[in-house]
Full PDB file with SEQRES, HELIX, SHEET, SSBOND, CRYST1, ORIGX, SCALE, CONECT and MASTER records, all heavy atoms in Angstrom:
SEQRES   1 A   32  THR VAL MET TRP LYS ASP ALA GLY ALA ASP ALA PRO TYR          
SEQRES   2 A   32  ALA SER SER ARG VAL ARG VAL SER LEU LYS PRO GLY GLN          
SEQRES   3 A   32  MET VAL GLN VAL ASP GLY                                      
SHEET    1 AA1 2 VAL A   2  TRP A   4  0                                        
SHEET    2 AA1 2 SER A  15  ARG A  17 -1                                        
CRYST1    1.000    1.000    1.000  90.00  90.00  90.00 P 1           1          
ORIGX1      1.000000  0.000000  0.000000        0.00000                         
ORIGX2      0.000000  1.000000  0.000000        0.00000                         
ORIGX3      0.000000  0.000000  1.000000        0.00000                         
SCALE1      1.000000  0.000000  0.000000        0.00000                         
SCALE2      0.000000  1.000000  0.000000        0.00000                         
SCALE3      0.000000  0.000000  1.000000        0.00000                         
ATOM      1  N   THR A   1     -19.910  -0.295   1.756  1.00  0.00           N  
ATOM      2  CA  THR A   1     -18.724  -0.182   0.913  1.00  0.00           C  
ATOM      3  C   THR A   1     -17.520   0.124   1.793  1.00  0.00           C  
ATOM      4  O   THR A   1     -17.597   0.983   2.667  1.00  0.00           O  
ATOM      5  CB  THR A   1     -18.889   0.963  -0.106  1.00  0.00           C  
ATOM      6  OG1 THR A   1     -20.079   0.723  -0.857  1.00  0.00           O  
ATOM      7  CG2 THR A   1     -17.718   1.052  -1.044  1.00  0.00           C  
ATOM      8  N   VAL A   2     -16.412  -0.587   1.557  1.00  0.00           N  
ATOM      9  CA  VAL A   2     -15.169  -0.334   2.270  1.00  0.00           C  
ATOM     10  C   VAL A   2     -14.084  -0.064   1.233  1.00  0.00           C  
ATOM     11  O   VAL A   2     -13.966  -0.793   0.240  1.00  0.00           O  
ATOM     12  CB  VAL A   2     -14.756  -1.526   3.155  1.00  0.00           C  
ATOM     13  CG1 VAL A   2     -13.402  -1.275   3.824  1.00  0.00           C  
ATOM     14  CG2 VAL A   2     -15.814  -1.799   4.206  1.00  0.00           C  
ATOM     15  N   MET A   3     -13.307   1.010   1.451  1.00  0.00           N  
ATOM     16  CA  MET A   3     -12.182   1.355   0.571  1.00  0.00           C  
ATOM     17  C   MET A   3     -10.907   1.387   1.403  1.00  0.00           C  
ATOM     18  O   MET A   3     -10.923   1.824   2.547  1.00  0.00           O  
ATOM     19  CB  MET A   3     -12.387   2.732  -0.064  1.00  0.00           C  
ATOM     20  CG  MET A   3     -13.514   2.790  -1.057  1.00  0.00           C  
ATOM     21  SD  MET A   3     -13.681   4.427  -1.813  1.00  0.00           S  
ATOM     22  CE  MET A   3     -12.240   4.477  -2.847  1.00  0.00           C  
ATOM     23  N   TRP A   4      -9.805   0.917   0.804  1.00  0.00           N  
ATOM     24  CA  TRP A   4      -8.502   0.985   1.446  1.00  0.00           C  
ATOM     25  C   TRP A   4      -7.427   1.083   0.391  1.00  0.00           C  
ATOM     26  O   TRP A   4      -7.634   0.693  -0.757  1.00  0.00           O  
ATOM     27  CB  TRP A   4      -8.263  -0.208   2.371  1.00  0.00           C  
ATOM     28  CG  TRP A   4      -8.082  -1.510   1.670  1.00  0.00           C  
ATOM     29  CD1 TRP A   4      -6.908  -2.123   1.330  1.00  0.00           C  
ATOM     30  CD2 TRP A   4      -9.112  -2.393   1.190  1.00  0.00           C  
ATOM     31  NE1 TRP A   4      -7.135  -3.308   0.689  1.00  0.00           N  
ATOM     32  CE2 TRP A   4      -8.485  -3.498   0.590  1.00  0.00           C  
ATOM     33  CE3 TRP A   4     -10.503  -2.343   1.217  1.00  0.00           C  
ATOM     34  CZ2 TRP A   4      -9.190  -4.547   0.021  1.00  0.00           C  
ATOM     35  CZ3 TRP A   4     -11.201  -3.393   0.647  1.00  0.00           C  
ATOM     36  CH2 TRP A   4     -10.557  -4.471   0.068  1.00  0.00           C  
ATOM     37  N   LYS A   5      -6.277   1.621   0.773  1.00  0.00           N  
ATOM     38  CA  LYS A   5      -5.165   1.775  -0.158  1.00  0.00           C  
ATOM     39  C   LYS A   5      -4.523   0.421  -0.396  1.00  0.00           C  
ATOM     40  O   LYS A   5      -4.196  -0.300   0.544  1.00  0.00           O  
ATOM     41  CB  LYS A   5      -4.134   2.770   0.380  1.00  0.00           C  
ATOM     42  CG  LYS A   5      -3.058   3.062  -0.620  1.00  0.00           C  
ATOM     43  CD  LYS A   5      -2.187   4.203  -0.190  1.00  0.00           C  
ATOM     44  CE  LYS A   5      -1.174   4.445  -1.293  1.00  0.00           C  
ATOM     45  NZ  LYS A   5      -0.625   5.743  -1.274  1.00  0.00           N  
ATOM     46  N   ASP A   6      -4.345   0.075  -1.667  1.00  0.00           N  
ATOM     47  CA  ASP A   6      -3.728  -1.185  -2.047  1.00  0.00           C  
ATOM     48  C   ASP A   6      -2.216  -1.004  -1.948  1.00  0.00           C  
ATOM     49  O   ASP A   6      -1.571  -0.535  -2.877  1.00  0.00           O  
ATOM     50  CB  ASP A   6      -4.148  -1.558  -3.476  1.00  0.00           C  
ATOM     51  CG  ASP A   6      -3.816  -2.996  -3.818  1.00  0.00           C  
ATOM     52  OD1 ASP A   6      -3.494  -3.770  -2.899  1.00  0.00           O  
ATOM     53  OD2 ASP A   6      -3.878  -3.347  -5.004  1.00  0.00           O  
ATOM     54  N   ALA A   7      -1.646  -1.342  -0.799  1.00  0.00           N  
ATOM     55  CA  ALA A   7      -0.223  -1.146  -0.547  1.00  0.00           C  
ATOM     56  C   ALA A   7       0.376  -2.452  -0.027  1.00  0.00           C  
ATOM     57  O   ALA A   7      -0.319  -3.436   0.184  1.00  0.00           O  
ATOM     58  CB  ALA A   7      -0.031  -0.029   0.470  1.00  0.00           C  
ATOM     59  N   GLY A   8       1.670  -2.433   0.199  1.00  0.00           N  
ATOM     60  CA  GLY A   8       2.373  -3.607   0.692  1.00  0.00           C  
ATOM     61  C   GLY A   8       1.898  -4.023   2.074  1.00  0.00           C  
ATOM     62  O   GLY A   8       1.254  -3.266   2.793  1.00  0.00           O  
ATOM     63  N   ALA A   9       2.255  -5.253   2.437  1.00  0.00           N  
ATOM     64  CA  ALA A   9       1.826  -5.812   3.716  1.00  0.00           C  
ATOM     65  C   ALA A   9       2.373  -5.025   4.902  1.00  0.00           C  
ATOM     66  O   ALA A   9       1.773  -5.013   5.975  1.00  0.00           O  
ATOM     67  CB  ALA A   9       2.260  -7.263   3.812  1.00  0.00           C  
ATOM     68  N   ASP A  10       3.504  -4.342   4.732  1.00  0.00           N  
ATOM     69  CA  ASP A  10       4.101  -3.598   5.839  1.00  0.00           C  
ATOM     70  C   ASP A  10       3.606  -2.150   5.917  1.00  0.00           C  
ATOM     71  O   ASP A  10       3.965  -1.416   6.836  1.00  0.00           O  
ATOM     72  CB  ASP A  10       5.621  -3.617   5.736  1.00  0.00           C  
ATOM     73  CG  ASP A  10       6.125  -3.031   4.425  1.00  0.00           C  
ATOM     74  OD1 ASP A  10       5.332  -2.937   3.465  1.00  0.00           O  
ATOM     75  OD2 ASP A  10       7.321  -2.686   4.359  1.00  0.00           O  
ATOM     76  N   ALA A  11       2.777  -1.733   4.984  1.00  0.00           N  
ATOM     77  CA  ALA A  11       2.253  -0.359   4.973  1.00  0.00           C  
ATOM     78  C   ALA A  11       1.180  -0.208   6.041  1.00  0.00           C  
ATOM     79  O   ALA A  11       0.484  -1.165   6.376  1.00  0.00           O  
ATOM     80  CB  ALA A  11       1.678  -0.027   3.610  1.00  0.00           C  
ATOM     81  N   PRO A  12       1.017   1.004   6.586  1.00  0.00           N  
ATOM     82  CA  PRO A  12      -0.049   1.226   7.572  1.00  0.00           C  
ATOM     83  C   PRO A  12      -1.414   0.946   6.947  1.00  0.00           C  
ATOM     84  O   PRO A  12      -1.642   1.243   5.782  1.00  0.00           O  
ATOM     85  CB  PRO A  12       0.079   2.698   7.931  1.00  0.00           C  
ATOM     86  CG  PRO A  12       1.353   3.172   7.361  1.00  0.00           C  
ATOM     87  CD  PRO A  12       1.783   2.199   6.316  1.00  0.00           C  
ATOM     88  N   TYR A  13      -2.299   0.379   7.734  1.00  0.00           N  
ATOM     89  CA  TYR A  13      -3.621   0.018   7.244  1.00  0.00           C  
ATOM     90  C   TYR A  13      -4.624   1.106   7.617  1.00  0.00           C  
ATOM     91  O   TYR A  13      -4.708   1.509   8.769  1.00  0.00           O  
ATOM     92  CB  TYR A  13      -4.056  -1.313   7.856  1.00  0.00           C  
ATOM     93  CG  TYR A  13      -5.419  -1.758   7.416  1.00  0.00           C  
ATOM     94  CD1 TYR A  13      -5.617  -2.294   6.160  1.00  0.00           C  
ATOM     95  CD2 TYR A  13      -6.514  -1.619   8.246  1.00  0.00           C  
ATOM     96  CE1 TYR A  13      -6.867  -2.695   5.744  1.00  0.00           C  
ATOM     97  CE2 TYR A  13      -7.771  -2.020   7.851  1.00  0.00           C  
ATOM     98  CZ  TYR A  13      -7.939  -2.563   6.599  1.00  0.00           C  
ATOM     99  OH  TYR A  13      -9.184  -2.950   6.183  1.00  0.00           O  
ATOM    100  N   ALA A  14      -5.345   1.583   6.647  1.00  0.00           N  
ATOM    101  CA  ALA A  14      -6.409   2.550   6.882  1.00  0.00           C  
ATOM    102  C   ALA A  14      -7.524   2.271   5.882  1.00  0.00           C  
ATOM    103  O   ALA A  14      -7.263   1.977   4.720  1.00  0.00           O  
ATOM    104  CB  ALA A  14      -5.901   3.972   6.712  1.00  0.00           C  
ATOM    105  N   SER A  15      -8.737   2.352   6.352  1.00  0.00           N  
ATOM    106  CA  SER A  15      -9.872   2.116   5.471  1.00  0.00           C  
ATOM    107  C   SER A  15     -10.984   3.096   5.815  1.00  0.00           C  
ATOM    108  O   SER A  15     -10.979   3.721   6.865  1.00  0.00           O  
ATOM    109  CB  SER A  15     -10.379   0.680   5.612  1.00  0.00           C  
ATOM    110  OG  SER A  15     -10.904   0.475   6.899  1.00  0.00           O  
ATOM    111  N   SER A  16     -11.923   3.196   4.894  1.00  0.00           N  
ATOM    112  CA  SER A  16     -13.112   3.988   5.162  1.00  0.00           C  
ATOM    113  C   SER A  16     -14.328   3.177   4.735  1.00  0.00           C  
ATOM    114  O   SER A  16     -14.273   2.410   3.785  1.00  0.00           O  
ATOM    115  CB  SER A  16     -13.067   5.330   4.429  1.00  0.00           C  
ATOM    116  OG  SER A  16     -12.935   5.124   3.053  1.00  0.00           O  
ATOM    117  N   ARG A  17     -15.404   3.360   5.461  1.00  0.00           N  
ATOM    118  CA  ARG A  17     -16.617   2.610   5.191  1.00  0.00           C  
ATOM    119  C   ARG A  17     -17.766   3.582   4.966  1.00  0.00           C  
ATOM    120  O   ARG A  17     -17.893   4.584   5.671  1.00  0.00           O  
ATOM    121  CB  ARG A  17     -16.956   1.705   6.368  1.00  0.00           C  
ATOM    122  CG  ARG A  17     -18.239   0.930   6.155  1.00  0.00           C  
ATOM    123  CD  ARG A  17     -18.510   0.014   7.316  1.00  0.00           C  
ATOM    124  NE  ARG A  17     -19.738  -0.700   7.086  1.00  0.00           N  
ATOM    125  CZ  ARG A  17     -20.452  -1.255   8.039  1.00  0.00           C  
ATOM    126  NH1 ARG A  17     -20.049  -1.187   9.276  1.00  0.00           N  
ATOM    127  NH2 ARG A  17     -21.556  -1.883   7.754  1.00  0.00           N  
ATOM    128  N   VAL A  18     -18.589   3.242   3.988  1.00  0.00           N  
ATOM    129  CA  VAL A  18     -19.779   4.033   3.692  1.00  0.00           C  
ATOM    130  C   VAL A  18     -20.966   3.073   3.636  1.00  0.00           C  
ATOM    131  O   VAL A  18     -20.890   2.019   3.014  1.00  0.00           O  
ATOM    132  CB  VAL A  18     -19.641   4.768   2.334  1.00  0.00           C  
ATOM    133  CG1 VAL A  18     -20.927   5.486   1.983  1.00  0.00           C  
ATOM    134  CG2 VAL A  18     -18.470   5.716   2.363  1.00  0.00           C  
ATOM    135  N   ARG A  19     -22.043   3.471   4.296  1.00  0.00           N  
ATOM    136  CA  ARG A  19     -23.287   2.703   4.215  1.00  0.00           C  
ATOM    137  C   ARG A  19     -24.357   3.642   3.687  1.00  0.00           C  
ATOM    138  O   ARG A  19     -24.466   4.793   4.116  1.00  0.00           O  
ATOM    139  CB  ARG A  19     -23.694   2.175   5.583  1.00  0.00           C  
ATOM    140  CG  ARG A  19     -22.738   1.121   6.099  1.00  0.00           C  
ATOM    141  CD  ARG A  19     -23.190   0.538   7.405  1.00  0.00           C  
ATOM    142  NE  ARG A  19     -23.249   1.579   8.417  1.00  0.00           N  
ATOM    143  CZ  ARG A  19     -23.728   1.398   9.632  1.00  0.00           C  
ATOM    144  NH1 ARG A  19     -24.219   0.247   9.982  1.00  0.00           N  
ATOM    145  NH2 ARG A  19     -23.738   2.388  10.502  1.00  0.00           N  
ATOM    146  N   VAL A  20     -25.136   3.134   2.738  1.00  0.00           N  
ATOM    147  CA  VAL A  20     -26.192   3.944   2.142  1.00  0.00           C  
ATOM    148  C   VAL A  20     -27.322   3.020   1.703  1.00  0.00           C  
ATOM    149  O   VAL A  20     -27.085   1.868   1.348  1.00  0.00           O  
ATOM    150  CB  VAL A  20     -25.652   4.786   0.955  1.00  0.00           C  
ATOM    151  CG1 VAL A  20     -25.185   3.914  -0.177  1.00  0.00           C  
ATOM    152  CG2 VAL A  20     -26.668   5.791   0.480  1.00  0.00           C  
ATOM    153  N   SER A  21     -28.521   3.539   1.729  1.00  0.00           N  
ATOM    154  CA  SER A  21     -29.678   2.785   1.268  1.00  0.00           C  
ATOM    155  C   SER A  21     -30.143   3.390  -0.049  1.00  0.00           C  
ATOM    156  O   SER A  21     -30.382   4.594  -0.137  1.00  0.00           O  
ATOM    157  CB  SER A  21     -30.791   2.858   2.327  1.00  0.00           C  
ATOM    158  OG  SER A  21     -31.757   1.882   2.066  1.00  0.00           O  
ATOM    159  N   LEU A  22     -30.232   2.542  -1.080  1.00  0.00           N  
ATOM    160  CA  LEU A  22     -30.615   2.994  -2.418  1.00  0.00           C  
ATOM    161  C   LEU A  22     -31.934   2.367  -2.836  1.00  0.00           C  
ATOM    162  O   LEU A  22     -32.149   1.173  -2.643  1.00  0.00           O  
ATOM    163  CB  LEU A  22     -29.551   2.590  -3.443  1.00  0.00           C  
ATOM    164  CG  LEU A  22     -28.136   3.090  -3.230  1.00  0.00           C  
ATOM    165  CD1 LEU A  22     -27.193   2.435  -4.240  1.00  0.00           C  
ATOM    166  CD2 LEU A  22     -28.093   4.594  -3.363  1.00  0.00           C  
ATOM    167  N   LYS A  23     -32.786   3.173  -3.446  1.00  0.00           N  
ATOM    168  CA  LYS A  23     -34.007   2.644  -4.051  1.00  0.00           C  
ATOM    169  C   LYS A  23     -33.628   2.001  -5.381  1.00  0.00           C  
ATOM    170  O   LYS A  23     -32.620   2.367  -5.990  1.00  0.00           O  
ATOM    171  CB  LYS A  23     -35.009   3.771  -4.276  1.00  0.00           C  
ATOM    172  CG  LYS A  23     -35.505   4.354  -2.991  1.00  0.00           C  
ATOM    173  CD  LYS A  23     -36.503   5.448  -3.218  1.00  0.00           C  
ATOM    174  CE  LYS A  23     -36.790   6.004  -1.851  1.00  0.00           C  
ATOM    175  NZ  LYS A  23     -37.918   6.671  -1.607  1.00  0.00           N  
ATOM    176  N   PRO A  24     -34.413   1.033  -5.869  1.00  0.00           N  
ATOM    177  CA  PRO A  24     -34.123   0.447  -7.165  1.00  0.00           C  
ATOM    178  C   PRO A  24     -33.971   1.522  -8.241  1.00  0.00           C  
ATOM    179  O   PRO A  24     -34.769   2.457  -8.316  1.00  0.00           O  
ATOM    180  CB  PRO A  24     -35.341  -0.447  -7.435  1.00  0.00           C  
ATOM    181  CG  PRO A  24     -35.798  -0.841  -6.058  1.00  0.00           C  
ATOM    182  CD  PRO A  24     -35.580   0.400  -5.227  1.00  0.00           C  
ATOM    183  N   GLY A  25     -32.891   1.431  -9.018  1.00  0.00           N  
ATOM    184  CA  GLY A  25     -32.609   2.411 -10.059  1.00  0.00           C  
ATOM    185  C   GLY A  25     -31.732   3.555  -9.590  1.00  0.00           C  
ATOM    186  O   GLY A  25     -31.221   4.315 -10.404  1.00  0.00           O  
ATOM    187  N   GLN A  26     -31.523   3.694  -8.292  1.00  0.00           N  
ATOM    188  CA  GLN A  26     -30.653   4.750  -7.778  1.00  0.00           C  
ATOM    189  C   GLN A  26     -29.192   4.285  -7.776  1.00  0.00           C  
ATOM    190  O   GLN A  26     -28.904   3.094  -7.701  1.00  0.00           O  
ATOM    191  CB  GLN A  26     -31.034   5.154  -6.352  1.00  0.00           C  
ATOM    192  CG  GLN A  26     -32.231   6.034  -6.253  1.00  0.00           C  
ATOM    193  CD  GLN A  26     -32.451   6.529  -4.833  1.00  0.00           C  
ATOM    194  OE1 GLN A  26     -32.252   5.801  -3.872  1.00  0.00           O  
ATOM    195  NE2 GLN A  26     -32.895   7.769  -4.723  1.00  0.00           N  
ATOM    196  N   MET A  27     -28.302   5.279  -7.812  1.00  0.00           N  
ATOM    197  CA  MET A  27     -26.872   4.996  -7.854  1.00  0.00           C  
ATOM    198  C   MET A  27     -26.157   5.884  -6.845  1.00  0.00           C  
ATOM    199  O   MET A  27     -26.542   7.028  -6.639  1.00  0.00           O  
ATOM    200  CB  MET A  27     -26.337   5.272  -9.262  1.00  0.00           C  
ATOM    201  CG  MET A  27     -24.873   4.975  -9.435  1.00  0.00           C  
ATOM    202  SD  MET A  27     -24.312   5.168 -11.146  1.00  0.00           S  
ATOM    203  CE  MET A  27     -24.433   6.925 -11.361  1.00  0.00           C  
ATOM    204  N   VAL A  28     -25.110   5.351  -6.232  1.00  0.00           N  
ATOM    205  CA  VAL A  28     -24.246   6.135  -5.363  1.00  0.00           C  
ATOM    206  C   VAL A  28     -22.877   6.210  -6.045  1.00  0.00           C  
ATOM    207  O   VAL A  28     -22.424   5.242  -6.643  1.00  0.00           O  
ATOM    208  CB  VAL A  28     -24.137   5.538  -3.939  1.00  0.00           C  
ATOM    209  CG1 VAL A  28     -23.478   4.173  -3.946  1.00  0.00           C  
ATOM    210  CG2 VAL A  28     -23.382   6.473  -3.015  1.00  0.00           C  
ATOM    211  N   GLN A  29     -22.263   7.375  -5.997  1.00  0.00           N  
ATOM    212  CA  GLN A  29     -20.957   7.609  -6.603  1.00  0.00           C  
ATOM    213  C   GLN A  29     -19.891   7.483  -5.514  1.00  0.00           C  
ATOM    214  O   GLN A  29     -19.988   8.140  -4.479  1.00  0.00           O  
ATOM    215  CB  GLN A  29     -20.908   9.008  -7.215  1.00  0.00           C  
ATOM    216  CG  GLN A  29     -19.904   9.193  -8.281  1.00  0.00           C  
ATOM    217  CD  GLN A  29     -20.302   8.521  -9.588  1.00  0.00           C  
ATOM    218  OE1 GLN A  29     -21.462   8.224  -9.834  1.00  0.00           O  
ATOM    219  NE2 GLN A  29     -19.332   8.280 -10.421  1.00  0.00           N  
ATOM    220  N   VAL A  30     -18.884   6.631  -5.734  1.00  0.00           N  
ATOM    221  CA  VAL A  30     -17.774   6.442  -4.807  1.00  0.00           C  
ATOM    222  C   VAL A  30     -16.543   7.043  -5.461  1.00  0.00           C  
ATOM    223  O   VAL A  30     -16.131   6.605  -6.533  1.00  0.00           O  
ATOM    224  CB  VAL A  30     -17.549   4.951  -4.496  1.00  0.00           C  
ATOM    225  CG1 VAL A  30     -16.377   4.768  -3.548  1.00  0.00           C  
ATOM    226  CG2 VAL A  30     -18.811   4.337  -3.919  1.00  0.00           C  
ATOM    227  N   ASP A  31     -15.982   8.075  -4.822  1.00  0.00           N  
ATOM    228  CA  ASP A  31     -14.826   8.762  -5.388  1.00  0.00           C  
ATOM    229  C   ASP A  31     -13.529   8.187  -4.850  1.00  0.00           C  
ATOM    230  O   ASP A  31     -13.407   7.912  -3.657  1.00  0.00           O  
ATOM    231  CB  ASP A  31     -14.868  10.256  -5.074  1.00  0.00           C  
ATOM    232  CG  ASP A  31     -16.040  10.950  -5.743  1.00  0.00           C  
ATOM    233  OD1 ASP A  31     -16.465  10.471  -6.809  1.00  0.00           O  
ATOM    234  OD2 ASP A  31     -16.527  11.946  -5.205  1.00  0.00           O  
ATOM    235  N   GLY A  32     -12.566   8.022  -5.761  1.00  0.00           N  
ATOM    236  CA  GLY A  32     -11.236   7.572  -5.393  1.00  0.00           C  
ATOM    237  C   GLY A  32     -10.241   8.682  -5.626  1.00  0.00           C  
ATOM    238  O   GLY A  32     -10.615   9.836  -5.881  1.00  0.00           O  
TER     239      GLY A  32                                                      
MASTER        0    0    0    0    2    0    0    6  238    1    0    3          
END                                                                             
């Protein structure tokens, strides 16, 4: 999963990445 701020083309770019392994039926919560 990659998250980044939805801003204008001239705004500084920053993102965060999360990798996780889930078993079937499991869920990961991504906070904004």
